[in-house]
Amino acid sequence: MAADRTAPARDSEQAIAAALQRYRVMATVVGVLLVLLFVVAMPLKYFADIPEPVTVLGTAHGWLYALFFLSAVDLALRSKWTLKGAIITLVCGTIPFLSFVAERTVTRKMRAGERV
């Protein structure tokens, strides 16, 4: 019965694992879009006078960064991260290539049972 099913506790291992997976996906997506924006779209805009890729990738990155932000905050609250760790992780989503480094660091620390 549907009434018998209960959601896992907010800070259970299962809930934290799901939040970590969401964070990892969003960090990868945001990182790829940001790299494409800086490596492909911006040179096209400034050297070939083709502004459309910046508009498309910039908008996509902006909206998806909002989802990344929410997934990182969700994981931080569930895992009781330090404020410094949460802020550094969120800022890393705005710097090309750093979202990949931050994602690996967060994953390693989370799997080792350390606070971020």
PDB file of N, CA and C in Angstrom:
ATOM      1  N   MET A   1       0.818  -1.186   0.000  1.00  0.00           N
ATOM      2  CA  MET A   1       0.000   0.000   0.000  1.00  0.00           C
ATOM      3  C   MET A   1       0.862   1.250   0.000  1.00  0.00           C
ATOM      4  N   ALA A   2       0.359   2.279  -0.624  1.00  0.00           N
ATOM      5  CA  ALA A   2       1.112   3.523  -0.724  1.00  0.00           C
ATOM      6  C   ALA A   2       1.295   4.177   0.639  1.00  0.00           C
ATOM      7  N   ALA A   3       0.359   3.991   1.544  1.00  0.00           N
ATOM      8  CA  ALA A   3       0.455   4.608   2.860  1.00  0.00           C
ATOM      9  C   ALA A   3       1.564   3.975   3.699  1.00  0.00           C
ATOM     10  N   ASP A   4       1.922   2.726   3.391  1.00  0.00           N
ATOM     11  CA  ASP A   4       2.960   2.042   4.153  1.00  0.00           C
ATOM     12  C   ASP A   4       4.355   2.510   3.785  1.00  0.00           C
ATOM     13  N   ARG A   5       4.504   3.048   2.584  1.00  0.00           N
ATOM     14  CA  ARG A   5       5.825   3.513   2.159  1.00  0.00           C
ATOM     15  C   ARG A   5       6.154   4.830   2.820  1.00  0.00           C
ATOM     16  N   THR A   6       7.382   4.920   3.300  1.00  0.00           N
ATOM     17  CA  THR A   6       7.829   6.180   3.885  1.00  0.00           C
ATOM     18  C   THR A   6       9.124   6.586   3.210  1.00  0.00           C
ATOM     19  N   ALA A   7       9.325   7.870   3.125  1.00  0.00           N
ATOM     20  CA  ALA A   7      10.562   8.386   2.540  1.00  0.00           C
ATOM     21  C   ALA A   7      11.689   8.188   3.541  1.00  0.00           C
ATOM     22  N   PRO A   8      12.911   7.982   3.031  1.00  0.00           N
ATOM     23  CA  PRO A   8      14.034   7.850   3.966  1.00  0.00           C
ATOM     24  C   PRO A   8      14.245   9.158   4.719  1.00  0.00           C
ATOM     25  N   ALA A   9      14.802   9.039   5.905  1.00  0.00           N
ATOM     26  CA  ALA A   9      15.084  10.238   6.700  1.00  0.00           C
ATOM     27  C   ALA A   9      15.978  11.187   5.916  1.00  0.00           C
ATOM     28  N   ARG A  10      15.826  12.467   6.168  1.00  0.00           N
ATOM     29  CA  ARG A  10      16.546  13.494   5.414  1.00  0.00           C
ATOM     30  C   ARG A  10      18.062  13.321   5.473  1.00  0.00           C
ATOM     31  N   ASP A  11      18.578  12.848   6.589  1.00  0.00           N
ATOM     32  CA  ASP A  11      20.017  12.696   6.705  1.00  0.00           C
ATOM     33  C   ASP A  11      20.449  11.223   6.749  1.00  0.00           C
ATOM     34  N   SER A  12      19.616  10.343   6.197  1.00  0.00           N
ATOM     35  CA  SER A  12      19.999   8.931   6.133  1.00  0.00           C
ATOM     36  C   SER A  12      21.058   8.724   5.049  1.00  0.00           C
ATOM     37  N   GLU A  13      21.745   7.609   5.123  1.00  0.00           N
ATOM     38  CA  GLU A  13      22.784   7.321   4.126  1.00  0.00           C
ATOM     39  C   GLU A  13      22.198   7.248   2.724  1.00  0.00           C
ATOM     40  N   GLN A  14      21.003   6.692   2.602  1.00  0.00           N
ATOM     41  CA  GLN A  14      20.356   6.575   1.299  1.00  0.00           C
ATOM     42  C   GLN A  14      20.025   7.958   0.725  1.00  0.00           C
ATOM     43  N   ALA A  15      19.507   8.848   1.557  1.00  0.00           N
ATOM     44  CA  ALA A  15      19.160  10.197   1.099  1.00  0.00           C
ATOM     45  C   ALA A  15      20.413  10.980   0.733  1.00  0.00           C
ATOM     46  N   ILE A  16      21.478  10.818   1.510  1.00  0.00           N
ATOM     47  CA  ILE A  16      22.726  11.518   1.214  1.00  0.00           C
ATOM     48  C   ILE A  16      23.342  10.980  -0.075  1.00  0.00           C
ATOM     49  N   ALA A  17      23.282   9.666  -0.278  1.00  0.00           N
ATOM     50  CA  ALA A  17      23.816   9.077  -1.516  1.00  0.00           C
ATOM     51  C   ALA A  17      23.064   9.597  -2.734  1.00  0.00           C
ATOM     52  N   ALA A  18      21.739   9.719  -2.627  1.00  0.00           N
ATOM     53  CA  ALA A  18      20.945  10.252  -3.739  1.00  0.00           C
ATOM     54  C   ALA A  18      21.280  11.718  -3.993  1.00  0.00           C
ATOM     55  N   ALA A  19      21.449  12.489  -2.925  1.00  0.00           N
ATOM     56  CA  ALA A  19      21.813  13.904  -3.067  1.00  0.00           C
ATOM     57  C   ALA A  19      23.196  14.042  -3.686  1.00  0.00           C
ATOM     58  N   LEU A  20      24.113  13.170  -3.304  1.00  0.00           N
ATOM     59  CA  LEU A  20      25.462  13.201  -3.895  1.00  0.00           C
ATOM     60  C   LEU A  20      25.402  12.897  -5.387  1.00  0.00           C
ATOM     61  N   GLN A  21      24.586  11.931  -5.770  1.00  0.00           N
ATOM     62  CA  GLN A  21      24.454  11.602  -7.196  1.00  0.00           C
ATOM     63  C   GLN A  21      23.884  12.781  -7.980  1.00  0.00           C
ATOM     64  N   ARG A  22      22.870  13.435  -7.435  1.00  0.00           N
ATOM     65  CA  ARG A  22      22.303  14.618  -8.107  1.00  0.00           C
ATOM     66  C   ARG A  22      23.358  15.709  -8.242  1.00  0.00           C
ATOM     67  N   TYR A  23      24.115  15.931  -7.175  1.00  0.00           N
ATOM     68  CA  TYR A  23      25.173  16.944  -7.208  1.00  0.00           C
ATOM     69  C   TYR A  23      26.215  16.605  -8.272  1.00  0.00           C
ATOM     70  N   ARG A  24      26.634  15.358  -8.334  1.00  0.00           N
ATOM     71  CA  ARG A  24      27.666  14.955  -9.298  1.00  0.00           C
ATOM     72  C   ARG A  24      27.201  15.176 -10.733  1.00  0.00           C
ATOM     73  N   VAL A  25      25.947  14.823 -11.012  1.00  0.00           N
ATOM     74  CA  VAL A  25      25.410  15.026 -12.361  1.00  0.00           C
ATOM     75  C   VAL A  25      25.388  16.507 -12.703  1.00  0.00           C
ATOM     76  N   MET A  26      24.875  17.324 -11.786  1.00  0.00           N
ATOM     77  CA  MET A  26      24.768  18.752 -12.066  1.00  0.00           C
ATOM     78  C   MET A  26      26.140  19.414 -12.171  1.00  0.00           C
ATOM     79  N   ALA A  27      27.101  18.989 -11.359  1.00  0.00           N
ATOM     80  CA  ALA A  27      28.449  19.557 -11.447  1.00  0.00           C
ATOM     81  C   ALA A  27      29.068  19.239 -12.806  1.00  0.00           C
ATOM     82  N   THR A  28      28.848  18.037 -13.292  1.00  0.00           N
ATOM     83  CA  THR A  28      29.391  17.656 -14.595  1.00  0.00           C
ATOM     84  C   THR A  28      28.724  18.446 -15.719  1.00  0.00           C
ATOM     85  N   VAL A  29      27.415  18.535 -15.682  1.00  0.00           N
ATOM     86  CA  VAL A  29      26.682  19.264 -16.724  1.00  0.00           C
ATOM     87  C   VAL A  29      27.089  20.735 -16.740  1.00  0.00           C
ATOM     88  N   VAL A  30      27.111  21.361 -15.574  1.00  0.00           N
ATOM     89  CA  VAL A  30      27.478  22.779 -15.488  1.00  0.00           C
ATOM     90  C   VAL A  30      28.928  22.978 -15.930  1.00  0.00           C
ATOM     91  N   GLY A  31      29.806  22.075 -15.543  1.00  0.00           N
ATOM     92  CA  GLY A  31      31.208  22.177 -15.941  1.00  0.00           C
ATOM     93  C   GLY A  31      31.398  22.070 -17.440  1.00  0.00           C
ATOM     94  N   VAL A  32      30.715  21.113 -18.059  1.00  0.00           N
ATOM     95  CA  VAL A  32      30.822  20.946 -19.519  1.00  0.00           C
ATOM     96  C   VAL A  32      30.289  22.182 -20.232  1.00  0.00           C
ATOM     97  N   LEU A  33      29.139  22.679 -19.797  1.00  0.00           N
ATOM     98  CA  LEU A  33      28.581  23.874 -20.439  1.00  0.00           C
ATOM     99  C   LEU A  33      29.491  25.086 -20.275  1.00  0.00           C
ATOM    100  N   LEU A  34      30.084  25.227 -19.111  1.00  0.00           N
ATOM    101  CA  LEU A  34      30.962  26.377 -18.884  1.00  0.00           C
ATOM    102  C   LEU A  34      32.225  26.286 -19.736  1.00  0.00           C
ATOM    103  N   VAL A  35      32.776  25.096 -19.856  1.00  0.00           N
ATOM    104  CA  VAL A  35      33.956  24.918 -20.711  1.00  0.00           C
ATOM    105  C   VAL A  35      33.593  25.204 -22.165  1.00  0.00           C
ATOM    106  N   LEU A  36      32.447  24.695 -22.623  1.00  0.00           N
ATOM    107  CA  LEU A  36      32.012  24.974 -24.001  1.00  0.00           C
ATOM    108  C   LEU A  36      31.794  26.470 -24.209  1.00  0.00           C
ATOM    109  N   LEU A  37      31.248  27.116 -23.220  1.00  0.00           N
ATOM    110  CA  LEU A  37      31.007  28.557 -23.315  1.00  0.00           C
ATOM    111  C   LEU A  37      32.319  29.319 -23.478  1.00  0.00           C
ATOM    112  N   PHE A  38      33.316  28.977 -22.688  1.00  0.00           N
ATOM    113  CA  PHE A  38      34.586  29.711 -22.728  1.00  0.00           C
ATOM    114  C   PHE A  38      35.493  29.279 -23.877  1.00  0.00           C
ATOM    115  N   VAL A  39      35.480  27.988 -24.223  1.00  0.00           N
ATOM    116  CA  VAL A  39      36.421  27.476 -25.223  1.00  0.00           C
ATOM    117  C   VAL A  39      35.870  27.553 -26.645  1.00  0.00           C
ATOM    118  N   VAL A  40      34.553  27.434 -26.787  1.00  0.00           N
ATOM    119  CA  VAL A  40      33.968  27.422 -28.134  1.00  0.00           C
ATOM    120  C   VAL A  40      33.171  28.691 -28.420  1.00  0.00           C
ATOM    121  N   ALA A  41      32.190  28.977 -27.564  1.00  0.00           N
ATOM    122  CA  ALA A  41      31.241  30.049 -27.871  1.00  0.00           C
ATOM    123  C   ALA A  41      31.863  31.448 -27.831  1.00  0.00           C
ATOM    124  N   MET A  42      32.653  31.722 -26.815  1.00  0.00           N
ATOM    125  CA  MET A  42      33.233  33.069 -26.722  1.00  0.00           C
ATOM    126  C   MET A  42      34.226  33.364 -27.851  1.00  0.00           C
ATOM    127  N   PRO A  43      35.100  32.419 -28.220  1.00  0.00           N
ATOM    128  CA  PRO A  43      35.947  32.695 -29.392  1.00  0.00           C
ATOM    129  C   PRO A  43      35.133  32.906 -30.672  1.00  0.00           C
ATOM    130  N   LEU A  44      34.042  32.142 -30.823  1.00  0.00           N
ATOM    131  CA  LEU A  44      33.192  32.360 -31.997  1.00  0.00           C
ATOM    132  C   LEU A  44      32.586  33.759 -31.988  1.00  0.00           C
ATOM    133  N   LYS A  45      32.181  34.215 -30.827  1.00  0.00           N
ATOM    134  CA  LYS A  45      31.579  35.545 -30.733  1.00  0.00           C
ATOM    135  C   LYS A  45      32.592  36.643 -31.035  1.00  0.00           C
ATOM    136  N   TYR A  46      33.778  36.542 -30.444  1.00  0.00           N
ATOM    137  CA  TYR A  46      34.718  37.652 -30.552  1.00  0.00           C
ATOM    138  C   TYR A  46      35.655  37.578 -31.759  1.00  0.00           C
ATOM    139  N   PHE A  47      35.889  36.373 -32.286  1.00  0.00           N
ATOM    140  CA  PHE A  47      36.798  36.261 -33.428  1.00  0.00           C
ATOM    141  C   PHE A  47      36.075  36.021 -34.749  1.00  0.00           C
ATOM    142  N   ALA A  48      34.874  35.430 -34.711  1.00  0.00           N
ATOM    143  CA  ALA A  48      34.147  35.144 -35.939  1.00  0.00           C
ATOM    144  C   ALA A  48      32.836  35.918 -36.022  1.00  0.00           C
ATOM    145  N   ASP A  49      32.559  36.752 -35.026  1.00  0.00           N
ATOM    146  CA  ASP A  49      31.342  37.573 -35.000  1.00  0.00           C
ATOM    147  C   ASP A  49      30.073  36.719 -35.106  1.00  0.00           C
ATOM    148  N   ILE A  50      30.052  35.608 -34.354  1.00  0.00           N
ATOM    149  CA  ILE A  50      28.885  34.726 -34.296  1.00  0.00           C
ATOM    150  C   ILE A  50      28.430  34.678 -32.831  1.00  0.00           C
ATOM    151  N   PRO A  51      27.483  35.535 -32.440  1.00  0.00           N
ATOM    152  CA  PRO A  51      27.111  35.631 -31.022  1.00  0.00           C
ATOM    153  C   PRO A  51      26.108  34.586 -30.523  1.00  0.00           C
ATOM    154  N   GLU A  52      25.456  33.863 -31.422  1.00  0.00           N
ATOM    155  CA  GLU A  52      24.386  32.953 -31.020  1.00  0.00           C
ATOM    156  C   GLU A  52      24.828  31.862 -30.034  1.00  0.00           C
ATOM    157  N   PRO A  53      25.994  31.217 -30.220  1.00  0.00           N
ATOM    158  CA  PRO A  53      26.381  30.182 -29.251  1.00  0.00           C
ATOM    159  C   PRO A  53      26.536  30.711 -27.825  1.00  0.00           C
ATOM    160  N   VAL A  54      27.002  31.950 -27.673  1.00  0.00           N
ATOM    161  CA  VAL A  54      27.130  32.523 -26.331  1.00  0.00           C
ATOM    162  C   VAL A  54      25.747  32.701 -25.720  1.00  0.00           C
ATOM    163  N   THR A  55      24.807  33.139 -26.520  1.00  0.00           N
ATOM    164  CA  THR A  55      23.445  33.321 -26.017  1.00  0.00           C
ATOM    165  C   THR A  55      22.853  31.995 -25.560  1.00  0.00           C
ATOM    166  N   VAL A  56      22.978  30.977 -26.382  1.00  0.00           N
ATOM    167  CA  VAL A  56      22.391  29.671 -26.066  1.00  0.00           C
ATOM    168  C   VAL A  56      23.112  29.018 -24.882  1.00  0.00           C
ATOM    169  N   LEU A  57      24.432  28.914 -24.968  1.00  0.00           N
ATOM    170  CA  LEU A  57      25.182  28.241 -23.899  1.00  0.00           C
ATOM    171  C   LEU A  57      25.176  29.042 -22.605  1.00  0.00           C
ATOM    172  N   GLY A  58      25.230  30.354 -22.719  1.00  0.00           N
ATOM    173  CA  GLY A  58      25.191  31.195 -21.519  1.00  0.00           C
ATOM    174  C   GLY A  58      23.868  31.073 -20.787  1.00  0.00           C
ATOM    175  N   THR A  59      22.778  31.073 -21.526  1.00  0.00           N
ATOM    176  CA  THR A  59      21.462  30.912 -20.919  1.00  0.00           C
ATOM    177  C   THR A  59      21.314  29.526 -20.299  1.00  0.00           C
ATOM    178  N   ALA A  60      21.738  28.491 -21.037  1.00  0.00           N
ATOM    179  CA  ALA A  60      21.653  27.126 -20.516  1.00  0.00           C
ATOM    180  C   ALA A  60      22.497  26.978 -19.252  1.00  0.00           C
ATOM    181  N   HIS A  61      23.704  27.525 -19.285  1.00  0.00           N
ATOM    182  CA  HIS A  61      24.566  27.442 -18.096  1.00  0.00           C
ATOM    183  C   HIS A  61      23.920  28.164 -16.915  1.00  0.00           C
ATOM    184  N   GLY A  62      23.336  29.307 -17.152  1.00  0.00           N
ATOM    185  CA  GLY A  62      22.707  30.061 -16.071  1.00  0.00           C
ATOM    186  C   GLY A  62      21.578  29.301 -15.403  1.00  0.00           C
ATOM    187  N   TRP A  63      20.685  28.745 -16.206  1.00  0.00           N
ATOM    188  CA  TRP A  63      19.564  27.989 -15.647  1.00  0.00           C
ATOM    189  C   TRP A  63      20.043  26.714 -14.959  1.00  0.00           C
ATOM    190  N   LEU A  64      20.979  26.032 -15.585  1.00  0.00           N
ATOM    191  CA  LEU A  64      21.457  24.782 -14.993  1.00  0.00           C
ATOM    192  C   LEU A  64      22.345  25.037 -13.776  1.00  0.00           C
ATOM    193  N   TYR A  65      23.010  26.194 -13.733  1.00  0.00           N
ATOM    194  CA  TYR A  65      23.758  26.537 -12.523  1.00  0.00           C
ATOM    195  C   TYR A  65      22.800  26.682 -11.345  1.00  0.00           C
ATOM    196  N   ALA A  66      21.609  27.208 -11.597  1.00  0.00           N
ATOM    197  CA  ALA A  66      20.615  27.324 -10.523  1.00  0.00           C
ATOM    198  C   ALA A  66      20.276  25.936  -9.969  1.00  0.00           C
ATOM    199  N   LEU A  67      20.134  24.950 -10.842  1.00  0.00           N
ATOM    200  CA  LEU A  67      19.872  23.578 -10.380  1.00  0.00           C
ATOM    201  C   LEU A  67      21.092  22.997  -9.666  1.00  0.00           C
ATOM    202  N   PHE A  68      22.282  23.306 -10.182  1.00  0.00           N
ATOM    203  CA  PHE A  68      23.516  22.893  -9.511  1.00  0.00           C
ATOM    204  C   PHE A  68      23.566  23.487  -8.107  1.00  0.00           C
ATOM    205  N   PHE A  69      23.252  24.765  -7.999  1.00  0.00           N
ATOM    206  CA  PHE A  69      23.250  25.456  -6.717  1.00  0.00           C
ATOM    207  C   PHE A  69      22.314  24.756  -5.734  1.00  0.00           C
ATOM    208  N   LEU A  70      21.101  24.454  -6.191  1.00  0.00           N
ATOM    209  CA  LEU A  70      20.133  23.787  -5.319  1.00  0.00           C
ATOM    210  C   LEU A  70      20.598  22.389  -4.918  1.00  0.00           C
ATOM    211  N   SER A  71      21.176  21.651  -5.854  1.00  0.00           N
ATOM    212  CA  SER A  71      21.636  20.301  -5.522  1.00  0.00           C
ATOM    213  C   SER A  71      22.819  20.347  -4.560  1.00  0.00           C
ATOM    214  N   ALA A  72      23.705  21.316  -4.714  1.00  0.00           N
ATOM    215  CA  ALA A  72      24.846  21.450  -3.807  1.00  0.00           C
ATOM    216  C   ALA A  72      24.391  21.882  -2.417  1.00  0.00           C
ATOM    217  N   VAL A  73      23.446  22.803  -2.342  1.00  0.00           N
ATOM    218  CA  VAL A  73      22.922  23.238  -1.047  1.00  0.00           C
ATOM    219  C   VAL A  73      22.193  22.087  -0.369  1.00  0.00           C
ATOM    220  N   ASP A  74      21.413  21.331  -1.129  1.00  0.00           N
ATOM    221  CA  ASP A  74      20.722  20.163  -0.579  1.00  0.00           C
ATOM    222  C   ASP A  74      21.719  19.164   0.012  1.00  0.00           C
ATOM    223  N   LEU A  75      22.763  18.859  -0.739  1.00  0.00           N
ATOM    224  CA  LEU A  75      23.789  17.931  -0.257  1.00  0.00           C
ATOM    225  C   LEU A  75      24.503  18.501   0.969  1.00  0.00           C
ATOM    226  N   ALA A  76      24.812  19.780   0.940  1.00  0.00           N
ATOM    227  CA  ALA A  76      25.507  20.413   2.067  1.00  0.00           C
ATOM    228  C   ALA A  76      24.665  20.349   3.343  1.00  0.00           C
ATOM    229  N   LEU A  77      23.376  20.604   3.217  1.00  0.00           N
ATOM    230  CA  LEU A  77      22.504  20.560   4.390  1.00  0.00           C
ATOM    231  C   LEU A  77      22.328  19.134   4.906  1.00  0.00           C
ATOM    232  N   ARG A  78      22.149  18.198   4.000  1.00  0.00           N
ATOM    233  CA  ARG A  78      21.983  16.794   4.413  1.00  0.00           C
ATOM    234  C   ARG A  78      23.250  16.257   5.075  1.00  0.00           C
ATOM    235  N   SER A  79      24.402  16.644   4.555  1.00  0.00           N
ATOM    236  CA  SER A  79      25.679  16.102   5.033  1.00  0.00           C
ATOM    237  C   SER A  79      26.337  16.965   6.096  1.00  0.00           C
ATOM    238  N   LYS A  80      25.699  18.098   6.407  1.00  0.00           N
ATOM    239  CA  LYS A  80      26.227  19.018   7.429  1.00  0.00           C
ATOM    240  C   LYS A  80      27.641  19.501   7.108  1.00  0.00           C
ATOM    241  N   TRP A  81      27.790  20.034   5.890  1.00  0.00           N
ATOM    242  CA  TRP A  81      29.064  20.601   5.471  1.00  0.00           C
ATOM    243  C   TRP A  81      29.363  21.849   6.294  1.00  0.00           C
ATOM    244  N   THR A  82      30.627  22.249   6.276  1.00  0.00           N
ATOM    245  CA  THR A  82      30.989  23.542   6.853  1.00  0.00           C
ATOM    246  C   THR A  82      30.528  24.637   5.888  1.00  0.00           C
ATOM    247  N   LEU A  83      30.335  25.834   6.394  1.00  0.00           N
ATOM    248  CA  LEU A  83      29.933  26.951   5.537  1.00  0.00           C
ATOM    249  C   LEU A  83      31.016  27.239   4.498  1.00  0.00           C
ATOM    250  N   LYS A  84      32.267  27.185   4.915  1.00  0.00           N
ATOM    251  CA  LYS A  84      33.381  27.426   3.995  1.00  0.00           C
ATOM    252  C   LYS A  84      33.384  26.399   2.860  1.00  0.00           C
ATOM    253  N   GLY A  85      33.200  25.129   3.180  1.00  0.00           N
ATOM    254  CA  GLY A  85      33.180  24.087   2.163  1.00  0.00           C
ATOM    255  C   GLY A  85      32.034  24.269   1.177  1.00  0.00           C
ATOM    256  N   ALA A  86      30.869  24.649   1.693  1.00  0.00           N
ATOM    257  CA  ALA A  86      29.703  24.856   0.829  1.00  0.00           C
ATOM    258  C   ALA A  86      29.932  26.037  -0.109  1.00  0.00           C
ATOM    259  N   ILE A  87      30.446  27.139   0.406  1.00  0.00           N
ATOM    260  CA  ILE A  87      30.666  28.334  -0.422  1.00  0.00           C
ATOM    261  C   ILE A  87      31.723  28.063  -1.494  1.00  0.00           C
ATOM    262  N   ILE A  88      32.812  27.415  -1.114  1.00  0.00           N
ATOM    263  CA  ILE A  88      33.856  27.105  -2.101  1.00  0.00           C
ATOM    264  C   ILE A  88      33.306  26.204  -3.196  1.00  0.00           C
ATOM    265  N   THR A  89      32.516  25.215  -2.820  1.00  0.00           N
ATOM    266  CA  THR A  89      31.931  24.308  -3.802  1.00  0.00           C
ATOM    267  C   THR A  89      31.003  25.060  -4.753  1.00  0.00           C
ATOM    268  N   LEU A  90      30.199  25.964  -4.227  1.00  0.00           N
ATOM    269  CA  LEU A  90      29.276  26.729  -5.066  1.00  0.00           C
ATOM    270  C   LEU A  90      30.022  27.663  -6.012  1.00  0.00           C
ATOM    271  N   VAL A  91      31.080  28.287  -5.541  1.00  0.00           N
ATOM    272  CA  VAL A  91      31.857  29.188  -6.394  1.00  0.00           C
ATOM    273  C   VAL A  91      32.566  28.409  -7.506  1.00  0.00           C
ATOM    274  N   CYS A  92      32.976  27.189  -7.220  1.00  0.00           N
ATOM    275  CA  CYS A  92      33.683  26.378  -8.227  1.00  0.00           C
ATOM    276  C   CYS A  92      32.819  26.103  -9.457  1.00  0.00           C
ATOM    277  N   GLY A  93      31.507  26.195  -9.323  1.00  0.00           N
ATOM    278  CA  GLY A  93      30.628  26.010 -10.474  1.00  0.00           C
ATOM    279  C   GLY A  93      30.634  27.174 -11.443  1.00  0.00           C
ATOM    280  N   THR A  94      31.326  28.246 -11.085  1.00  0.00           N
ATOM    281  CA  THR A  94      31.371  29.430 -11.949  1.00  0.00           C
ATOM    282  C   THR A  94      32.725  29.619 -12.622  1.00  0.00           C
ATOM    283  N   ILE A  95      33.674  28.729 -12.346  1.00  0.00           N
ATOM    284  CA  ILE A  95      35.019  28.852 -12.897  1.00  0.00           C
ATOM    285  C   ILE A  95      35.306  27.639 -13.776  1.00  0.00           C
ATOM    286  N   PRO A  96      35.665  27.854 -15.051  1.00  0.00           N
ATOM    287  CA  PRO A  96      35.882  26.710 -15.946  1.00  0.00           C
ATOM    288  C   PRO A  96      36.865  25.700 -15.355  1.00  0.00           C
ATOM    289  N   PHE A  97      36.541  24.445 -15.514  1.00  0.00           N
ATOM    290  CA  PHE A  97      37.320  23.275 -15.085  1.00  0.00           C
ATOM    291  C   PHE A  97      37.294  23.039 -13.575  1.00  0.00           C
ATOM    292  N   LEU A  98      37.010  24.049 -12.768  1.00  0.00           N
ATOM    293  CA  LEU A  98      37.023  23.846 -11.324  1.00  0.00           C
ATOM    294  C   LEU A  98      35.836  23.045 -10.822  1.00  0.00           C
ATOM    295  N   SER A  99      34.724  23.045 -11.553  1.00  0.00           N
ATOM    296  CA  SER A  99      33.594  22.233 -11.094  1.00  0.00           C
ATOM    297  C   SER A  99      33.963  20.747 -11.118  1.00  0.00           C
ATOM    298  N   PHE A 100      34.830  20.351 -12.050  1.00  0.00           N
ATOM    299  CA  PHE A 100      35.268  18.952 -12.105  1.00  0.00           C
ATOM    300  C   PHE A 100      36.161  18.615 -10.910  1.00  0.00           C
ATOM    301  N   VAL A 101      37.056  19.527 -10.571  1.00  0.00           N
ATOM    302  CA  VAL A 101      37.951  19.323  -9.428  1.00  0.00           C
ATOM    303  C   VAL A 101      37.131  19.283  -8.134  1.00  0.00           C
ATOM    304  N   ALA A 102      36.210  20.219  -7.986  1.00  0.00           N
ATOM    305  CA  ALA A 102      35.384  20.272  -6.777  1.00  0.00           C
ATOM    306  C   ALA A 102      34.516  19.022  -6.670  1.00  0.00           C
ATOM    307  N   GLU A 103      33.968  18.567  -7.780  1.00  0.00           N
ATOM    308  CA  GLU A 103      33.121  17.365  -7.758  1.00  0.00           C
ATOM    309  C   GLU A 103      33.912  16.161  -7.291  1.00  0.00           C
ATOM    310  N   ARG A 104      35.128  16.006  -7.789  1.00  0.00           N
ATOM    311  CA  ARG A 104      35.958  14.862  -7.378  1.00  0.00           C
ATOM    312  C   ARG A 104      36.346  14.972  -5.906  1.00  0.00           C
ATOM    313  N   THR A 105      36.671  16.182  -5.459  1.00  0.00           N
ATOM    314  CA  THR A 105      37.037  16.384  -4.061  1.00  0.00           C
ATOM    315  C   THR A 105      35.857  16.096  -3.142  1.00  0.00           C
ATOM    316  N   VAL A 106      34.691  16.624  -3.488  1.00  0.00           N
ATOM    317  CA  VAL A 106      33.493  16.389  -2.680  1.00  0.00           C
ATOM    318  C   VAL A 106      33.166  14.902  -2.642  1.00  0.00           C
ATOM    319  N   THR A 107      33.200  14.242  -3.787  1.00  0.00           N
ATOM    320  CA  THR A 107      32.887  12.813  -3.839  1.00  0.00           C
ATOM    321  C   THR A 107      33.864  12.013  -2.982  1.00  0.00           C
ATOM    322  N   ARG A 108      35.142  12.317  -3.101  1.00  0.00           N
ATOM    323  CA  ARG A 108      36.150  11.593  -2.319  1.00  0.00           C
ATOM    324  C   ARG A 108      35.914  11.780  -0.827  1.00  0.00           C
ATOM    325  N   LYS A 109      35.681  13.029  -0.419  1.00  0.00           N
ATOM    326  CA  LYS A 109      35.471  13.298   1.004  1.00  0.00           C
ATOM    327  C   LYS A 109      34.174  12.666   1.511  1.00  0.00           C
ATOM    328  N   MET A 110      33.127  12.744   0.712  1.00  0.00           N
ATOM    329  CA  MET A 110      31.843  12.165   1.127  1.00  0.00           C
ATOM    330  C   MET A 110      31.961  10.654   1.286  1.00  0.00           C
ATOM    331  N   ARG A 111      32.628  10.008   0.361  1.00  0.00           N
ATOM    332  CA  ARG A 111      32.783   8.554   0.429  1.00  0.00           C
ATOM    333  C   ARG A 111      33.694   8.124   1.572  1.00  0.00           C
ATOM    334  N   ALA A 112      34.597   9.005   1.979  1.00  0.00           N
ATOM    335  CA  ALA A 112      35.494   8.714   3.109  1.00  0.00           C
ATOM    336  C   ALA A 112      34.839   9.075   4.446  1.00  0.00           C
ATOM    337  N   GLY A 113      33.660   9.678   4.387  1.00  0.00           N
ATOM    338  CA  GLY A 113      32.950  10.051   5.609  1.00  0.00           C
ATOM    339  C   GLY A 113      33.436  11.346   6.232  1.00  0.00           C
ATOM    340  N   GLU A 114      34.154  12.159   5.462  1.00  0.00           N
ATOM    341  CA  GLU A 114      34.661  13.435   5.965  1.00  0.00           C
ATOM    342  C   GLU A 114      33.684  14.549   5.674  1.00  0.00           C
ATOM    343  N   ARG A 115      33.751  15.625   6.455  1.00  0.00           N
ATOM    344  CA  ARG A 115      32.954  16.810   6.165  1.00  0.00           C
ATOM    345  C   ARG A 115      33.635  17.627   5.084  1.00  0.00           C
ATOM    346  N   VAL A 116      32.854  18.257   4.289  1.00  0.00           N
ATOM    347  CA  VAL A 116      33.392  19.106   3.224  1.00  0.00           C
ATOM    348  C   VAL A 116      33.480  20.513   3.743  1.00  0.00           C
TER     349      VAL A 116
END
